[in-house]
N, C-alpha and C. Protein backbone atom coordinates (compact mmCIF):
# COMPACT_ATOMS: atom_id res chain seq x y z
N GLN A 1 15.80 166.58 -34.43
CA GLN A 1 15.58 165.66 -33.33
C GLN A 1 14.15 165.12 -33.40
N VAL A 2 14.02 163.80 -33.47
CA VAL A 2 12.70 163.17 -33.52
C VAL A 2 12.04 163.25 -32.15
N GLN A 3 10.76 163.55 -32.15
CA GLN A 3 9.95 163.48 -30.95
C GLN A 3 8.84 162.48 -31.17
N LEU A 4 8.44 161.80 -30.10
CA LEU A 4 7.40 160.77 -30.17
C LEU A 4 6.21 161.19 -29.33
N VAL A 5 5.01 161.05 -29.89
CA VAL A 5 3.79 161.42 -29.19
C VAL A 5 2.84 160.23 -29.19
N GLU A 6 2.52 159.76 -27.99
CA GLU A 6 1.63 158.62 -27.84
C GLU A 6 0.19 159.08 -27.59
N SER A 7 -0.75 158.28 -28.06
CA SER A 7 -2.16 158.57 -27.82
C SER A 7 -2.96 157.28 -27.93
N GLY A 8 -4.23 157.36 -27.56
CA GLY A 8 -5.12 156.22 -27.72
C GLY A 8 -5.48 155.50 -26.44
N GLY A 9 -4.87 155.90 -25.35
CA GLY A 9 -5.18 155.26 -24.07
C GLY A 9 -6.56 155.65 -23.58
N GLY A 10 -6.95 155.04 -22.48
CA GLY A 10 -8.25 155.35 -21.90
C GLY A 10 -8.64 154.34 -20.85
N LEU A 11 -9.88 154.44 -20.43
CA LEU A 11 -10.45 153.53 -19.45
C LEU A 11 -11.29 152.50 -20.18
N VAL A 12 -11.03 151.23 -19.91
CA VAL A 12 -11.75 150.17 -20.58
C VAL A 12 -12.01 149.04 -19.60
N GLN A 13 -13.08 148.32 -19.81
CA GLN A 13 -13.37 147.17 -18.96
C GLN A 13 -12.52 145.99 -19.37
N ALA A 14 -12.30 145.11 -18.44
CA ALA A 14 -11.56 143.88 -18.73
C ALA A 14 -12.22 143.16 -19.90
N GLY A 15 -11.38 142.67 -20.79
CA GLY A 15 -11.87 142.02 -22.00
C GLY A 15 -12.00 142.95 -23.18
N GLY A 16 -11.87 144.24 -22.94
CA GLY A 16 -12.00 145.22 -23.99
C GLY A 16 -10.74 145.39 -24.81
N SER A 17 -10.80 146.35 -25.74
CA SER A 17 -9.69 146.58 -26.66
C SER A 17 -9.38 148.07 -26.75
N LEU A 18 -8.13 148.35 -27.06
CA LEU A 18 -7.68 149.71 -27.35
C LEU A 18 -6.60 149.63 -28.41
N ARG A 19 -6.47 150.71 -29.18
CA ARG A 19 -5.35 150.81 -30.11
C ARG A 19 -4.56 152.06 -29.78
N LEU A 20 -3.29 151.85 -29.44
CA LEU A 20 -2.40 152.96 -29.15
C LEU A 20 -1.66 153.38 -30.42
N THR A 21 -1.39 154.67 -30.49
CA THR A 21 -0.69 155.24 -31.65
C THR A 21 0.50 156.05 -31.18
N CYS A 22 1.60 155.89 -31.85
CA CYS A 22 2.81 156.66 -31.57
C CYS A 22 3.22 157.34 -32.87
N VAL A 23 3.17 158.66 -32.87
CA VAL A 23 3.51 159.42 -34.07
C VAL A 23 4.84 160.12 -33.85
N ALA A 24 5.73 159.96 -34.80
CA ALA A 24 7.04 160.60 -34.73
C ALA A 24 7.04 161.92 -35.51
N SER A 25 7.80 162.88 -34.99
CA SER A 25 7.86 164.17 -35.67
C SER A 25 8.80 164.13 -36.87
N GLY A 26 9.62 163.07 -36.90
CA GLY A 26 10.52 162.91 -38.02
C GLY A 26 10.48 161.48 -38.52
N SER A 27 11.29 161.19 -39.48
CA SER A 27 11.28 159.87 -40.09
C SER A 27 11.74 158.79 -39.10
N ILE A 28 11.06 157.65 -39.14
CA ILE A 28 11.48 156.50 -38.35
C ILE A 28 11.98 155.38 -39.25
N SER A 29 12.05 155.65 -40.53
CA SER A 29 12.41 154.58 -41.46
C SER A 29 13.83 154.09 -41.24
N THR A 30 14.68 154.95 -40.68
CA THR A 30 16.06 154.53 -40.44
C THR A 30 16.23 153.91 -39.06
N ILE A 31 15.18 153.91 -38.26
CA ILE A 31 15.24 153.30 -36.93
C ILE A 31 14.88 151.83 -37.08
N ASN A 32 15.82 150.94 -36.76
CA ASN A 32 15.59 149.52 -36.99
C ASN A 32 14.48 148.97 -36.10
N VAL A 33 14.60 149.16 -34.80
CA VAL A 33 13.65 148.55 -33.88
C VAL A 33 12.91 149.61 -33.09
N MET A 34 11.59 149.57 -33.16
CA MET A 34 10.73 150.41 -32.35
C MET A 34 9.99 149.53 -31.36
N GLY A 35 9.67 150.09 -30.22
CA GLY A 35 9.00 149.28 -29.22
C GLY A 35 7.98 150.07 -28.41
N TRP A 36 7.09 149.32 -27.80
CA TRP A 36 6.16 149.88 -26.83
C TRP A 36 6.58 149.39 -25.45
N TYR A 37 6.62 150.31 -24.51
CA TYR A 37 6.97 150.02 -23.13
C TYR A 37 5.79 150.41 -22.25
N ARG A 38 5.77 149.87 -21.05
CA ARG A 38 4.75 150.30 -20.11
C ARG A 38 5.31 150.34 -18.70
N GLN A 39 4.73 151.23 -17.91
CA GLN A 39 5.13 151.36 -16.52
C GLN A 39 3.89 151.46 -15.66
N ALA A 40 3.72 150.46 -14.81
CA ALA A 40 2.62 150.45 -13.86
C ALA A 40 3.06 151.16 -12.58
N PRO A 41 2.11 151.66 -11.79
CA PRO A 41 2.46 152.35 -10.56
C PRO A 41 3.33 151.50 -9.66
N GLY A 42 4.43 152.06 -9.21
CA GLY A 42 5.30 151.35 -8.30
C GLY A 42 6.17 150.29 -8.94
N LYS A 43 6.15 150.20 -10.25
CA LYS A 43 6.94 149.17 -10.94
C LYS A 43 7.86 149.82 -11.96
N GLN A 44 8.90 149.11 -12.31
CA GLN A 44 9.79 149.59 -13.36
C GLN A 44 9.14 149.43 -14.72
N SER A 45 9.56 150.25 -15.65
CA SER A 45 9.02 150.11 -17.00
C SER A 45 9.61 148.87 -17.64
N GLY A 46 8.84 148.31 -18.57
CA GLY A 46 9.29 147.11 -19.26
C GLY A 46 8.84 147.13 -20.71
N LEU A 47 9.58 146.44 -21.54
CA LEU A 47 9.26 146.36 -22.96
C LEU A 47 8.10 145.40 -23.16
N VAL A 48 7.09 145.86 -23.85
CA VAL A 48 5.89 145.06 -24.09
C VAL A 48 5.97 144.37 -25.45
N ALA A 49 6.39 145.13 -26.45
CA ALA A 49 6.44 144.59 -27.80
C ALA A 49 7.44 145.41 -28.62
N SER A 50 8.05 144.76 -29.59
CA SER A 50 8.98 145.46 -30.47
C SER A 50 8.78 145.00 -31.90
N ILE A 51 9.22 145.86 -32.82
CA ILE A 51 9.08 145.54 -34.24
C ILE A 51 10.28 146.10 -34.98
N THR A 52 10.85 145.28 -35.85
CA THR A 52 11.99 145.73 -36.65
C THR A 52 11.49 146.44 -37.91
N SER A 53 12.42 147.06 -38.60
CA SER A 53 12.06 147.74 -39.85
C SER A 53 11.55 146.75 -40.88
N GLY A 54 11.93 145.50 -40.72
CA GLY A 54 11.45 144.47 -41.63
C GLY A 54 10.15 143.82 -41.22
N GLY A 55 9.63 144.24 -40.07
CA GLY A 55 8.34 143.74 -39.63
C GLY A 55 8.38 142.57 -38.67
N ASN A 56 9.57 142.16 -38.25
CA ASN A 56 9.66 141.08 -37.27
C ASN A 56 9.27 141.61 -35.89
N THR A 57 8.50 140.82 -35.18
CA THR A 57 7.96 141.27 -33.90
C THR A 57 8.35 140.33 -32.77
N ILE A 58 8.44 140.90 -31.58
CA ILE A 58 8.68 140.14 -30.35
C ILE A 58 7.75 140.70 -29.30
N TYR A 59 7.19 139.80 -28.49
CA TYR A 59 6.25 140.21 -27.45
C TYR A 59 6.67 139.66 -26.09
N ALA A 60 6.34 140.43 -25.07
CA ALA A 60 6.50 139.91 -23.72
C ALA A 60 5.51 138.77 -23.53
N ASP A 61 5.89 137.78 -22.72
CA ASP A 61 5.01 136.63 -22.52
C ASP A 61 3.63 137.04 -22.03
N SER A 62 3.59 138.09 -21.23
CA SER A 62 2.32 138.50 -20.62
C SER A 62 1.30 139.04 -21.63
N VAL A 63 1.76 139.40 -22.83
CA VAL A 63 0.83 139.98 -23.81
C VAL A 63 0.74 139.16 -25.09
N LYS A 64 1.50 138.10 -25.19
CA LYS A 64 1.47 137.27 -26.40
C LYS A 64 0.06 136.80 -26.68
N GLY A 65 -0.33 136.91 -27.95
CA GLY A 65 -1.65 136.47 -28.36
C GLY A 65 -2.74 137.50 -28.13
N ARG A 66 -2.41 138.58 -27.41
CA ARG A 66 -3.41 139.62 -27.13
C ARG A 66 -3.05 140.96 -27.75
N PHE A 67 -1.77 141.26 -27.83
CA PHE A 67 -1.31 142.54 -28.37
C PHE A 67 -0.65 142.32 -29.73
N THR A 68 -0.80 143.33 -30.59
CA THR A 68 -0.15 143.29 -31.90
C THR A 68 0.50 144.64 -32.18
N ILE A 69 1.80 144.62 -32.44
CA ILE A 69 2.52 145.83 -32.78
C ILE A 69 2.67 145.91 -34.30
N SER A 70 2.57 147.11 -34.82
CA SER A 70 2.77 147.32 -36.25
C SER A 70 3.36 148.71 -36.46
N ARG A 71 3.89 148.94 -37.65
CA ARG A 71 4.47 150.25 -37.94
C ARG A 71 4.18 150.63 -39.38
N ASP A 72 4.07 151.90 -39.60
CA ASP A 72 3.88 152.44 -40.94
C ASP A 72 4.92 153.55 -41.11
N ASN A 73 6.03 153.22 -41.73
CA ASN A 73 7.12 154.18 -41.85
C ASN A 73 6.70 155.41 -42.64
N ALA A 74 5.86 155.24 -43.64
CA ALA A 74 5.41 156.37 -44.45
C ALA A 74 4.64 157.37 -43.61
N LYS A 75 3.88 156.86 -42.64
CA LYS A 75 3.10 157.73 -41.76
C LYS A 75 3.87 158.06 -40.47
N LYS A 76 5.09 157.55 -40.36
CA LYS A 76 5.93 157.80 -39.18
C LYS A 76 5.19 157.40 -37.91
N THR A 77 4.54 156.24 -37.95
CA THR A 77 3.67 155.83 -36.87
C THR A 77 3.90 154.38 -36.48
N VAL A 78 3.81 154.13 -35.18
CA VAL A 78 3.86 152.78 -34.63
C VAL A 78 2.56 152.57 -33.85
N TYR A 79 1.97 151.42 -34.02
CA TYR A 79 0.70 151.11 -33.38
C TYR A 79 0.85 149.95 -32.39
N LEU A 80 -0.05 149.92 -31.42
CA LEU A 80 -0.15 148.77 -30.54
C LEU A 80 -1.64 148.46 -30.38
N GLN A 81 -2.08 147.39 -31.02
CA GLN A 81 -3.46 146.93 -30.88
C GLN A 81 -3.52 146.00 -29.68
N MET A 82 -4.38 146.34 -28.73
CA MET A 82 -4.48 145.57 -27.50
C MET A 82 -5.89 145.00 -27.39
N THR A 83 -5.98 143.70 -27.23
CA THR A 83 -7.27 143.04 -27.07
C THR A 83 -7.25 142.21 -25.79
N SER A 84 -8.43 141.75 -25.41
CA SER A 84 -8.57 140.93 -24.19
C SER A 84 -7.83 141.57 -23.02
N LEU A 85 -8.02 142.83 -22.84
CA LEU A 85 -7.28 143.56 -21.81
C LEU A 85 -7.63 143.06 -20.42
N LYS A 86 -6.62 143.09 -19.56
CA LYS A 86 -6.75 142.64 -18.18
C LYS A 86 -6.39 143.80 -17.25
N PRO A 87 -6.87 143.75 -16.02
CA PRO A 87 -6.49 144.80 -15.06
C PRO A 87 -4.97 144.94 -14.92
N ASP A 88 -4.24 143.84 -15.06
CA ASP A 88 -2.78 143.90 -14.97
C ASP A 88 -2.14 144.68 -16.11
N ASP A 89 -2.89 144.98 -17.14
CA ASP A 89 -2.36 145.78 -18.25
C ASP A 89 -2.40 147.27 -17.94
N THR A 90 -3.00 147.63 -16.82
CA THR A 90 -3.07 149.04 -16.43
C THR A 90 -1.68 149.61 -16.24
N ALA A 91 -1.39 150.68 -16.97
CA ALA A 91 -0.05 151.28 -16.94
C ALA A 91 -0.05 152.51 -17.85
N VAL A 92 1.03 153.25 -17.77
CA VAL A 92 1.29 154.28 -18.77
C VAL A 92 2.14 153.63 -19.87
N TYR A 93 1.72 153.78 -21.09
CA TYR A 93 2.39 153.16 -22.22
C TYR A 93 3.17 154.21 -23.01
N TYR A 94 4.40 153.84 -23.35
CA TYR A 94 5.31 154.72 -24.08
C TYR A 94 5.86 153.99 -25.29
N CYS A 95 6.19 154.74 -26.31
CA CYS A 95 6.96 154.14 -27.40
C CYS A 95 8.37 154.73 -27.37
N ASN A 96 9.29 153.98 -27.89
CA ASN A 96 10.68 154.41 -27.94
C ASN A 96 11.41 153.43 -28.85
N THR A 97 12.66 153.71 -29.08
CA THR A 97 13.47 152.76 -29.83
C THR A 97 13.87 151.61 -28.91
N VAL A 98 14.42 150.58 -29.51
CA VAL A 98 14.97 149.46 -28.76
C VAL A 98 16.41 149.29 -29.21
N PRO A 99 17.39 149.50 -28.31
CA PRO A 99 17.25 149.98 -26.95
C PRO A 99 16.78 151.43 -26.92
N VAL A 100 16.39 151.88 -25.75
CA VAL A 100 15.79 153.21 -25.66
C VAL A 100 16.82 154.30 -25.88
N LEU A 101 16.30 155.41 -26.37
CA LEU A 101 17.04 156.65 -26.41
C LEU A 101 16.35 157.58 -25.41
N ARG A 102 17.06 157.94 -24.37
CA ARG A 102 16.44 158.67 -23.27
C ARG A 102 15.74 159.94 -23.74
N GLN A 103 16.33 160.57 -24.75
CA GLN A 103 15.75 161.85 -25.20
C GLN A 103 14.46 161.68 -25.97
N LEU A 104 14.07 160.45 -26.25
CA LEU A 104 12.85 160.21 -27.02
C LEU A 104 11.63 159.92 -26.16
N TRP A 105 11.83 159.79 -24.84
CA TRP A 105 10.65 159.52 -24.01
C TRP A 105 9.63 160.63 -24.17
N GLY A 106 8.38 160.24 -24.43
CA GLY A 106 7.30 161.20 -24.53
C GLY A 106 6.50 161.21 -23.25
N GLN A 107 5.28 161.73 -23.35
CA GLN A 107 4.45 161.84 -22.14
C GLN A 107 3.71 160.54 -21.84
N GLY A 108 3.69 159.65 -22.81
CA GLY A 108 2.99 158.38 -22.63
C GLY A 108 1.48 158.54 -22.73
N THR A 109 0.80 157.42 -22.69
CA THR A 109 -0.66 157.42 -22.70
C THR A 109 -1.15 156.43 -21.67
N GLN A 110 -2.08 156.86 -20.83
CA GLN A 110 -2.56 156.05 -19.71
C GLN A 110 -3.59 155.04 -20.19
N VAL A 111 -3.37 153.80 -19.83
CA VAL A 111 -4.35 152.73 -20.06
C VAL A 111 -4.80 152.21 -18.71
N THR A 112 -6.09 152.24 -18.48
CA THR A 112 -6.66 151.75 -17.23
C THR A 112 -7.71 150.70 -17.56
N VAL A 113 -7.53 149.51 -17.01
CA VAL A 113 -8.45 148.41 -17.26
C VAL A 113 -9.16 148.08 -15.95
N SER A 114 -10.45 148.22 -15.96
CA SER A 114 -11.25 147.95 -14.77
C SER A 114 -11.73 146.50 -14.77
N SER A 115 -11.86 145.95 -13.59
CA SER A 115 -12.30 144.54 -13.49
C SER A 115 -13.81 144.44 -13.42
């Protein structure tokens, strides 16, 4: 059973950057689509970015041009490079498959953007 562990979050000022990392305990090479999700306090979680095994990416409108998702199957890792961060980006960020597999939810990583 694959487990996902997210890291890289933190407190950053608006306009700053962070790189999130999601490491899988097993191979992700057979997983077609991986994604980063986020959940802000009092809000439902939503898909922020996704990437196929072939490298095709899709982004939520709110992060287009600011976030970049990538994956390294050999390292069993998915990344989310976040730039020009805004206070509205404050949330707990999770990685999972697309669509999600409930058993893969990890602890997430907190991103807090101060104004």
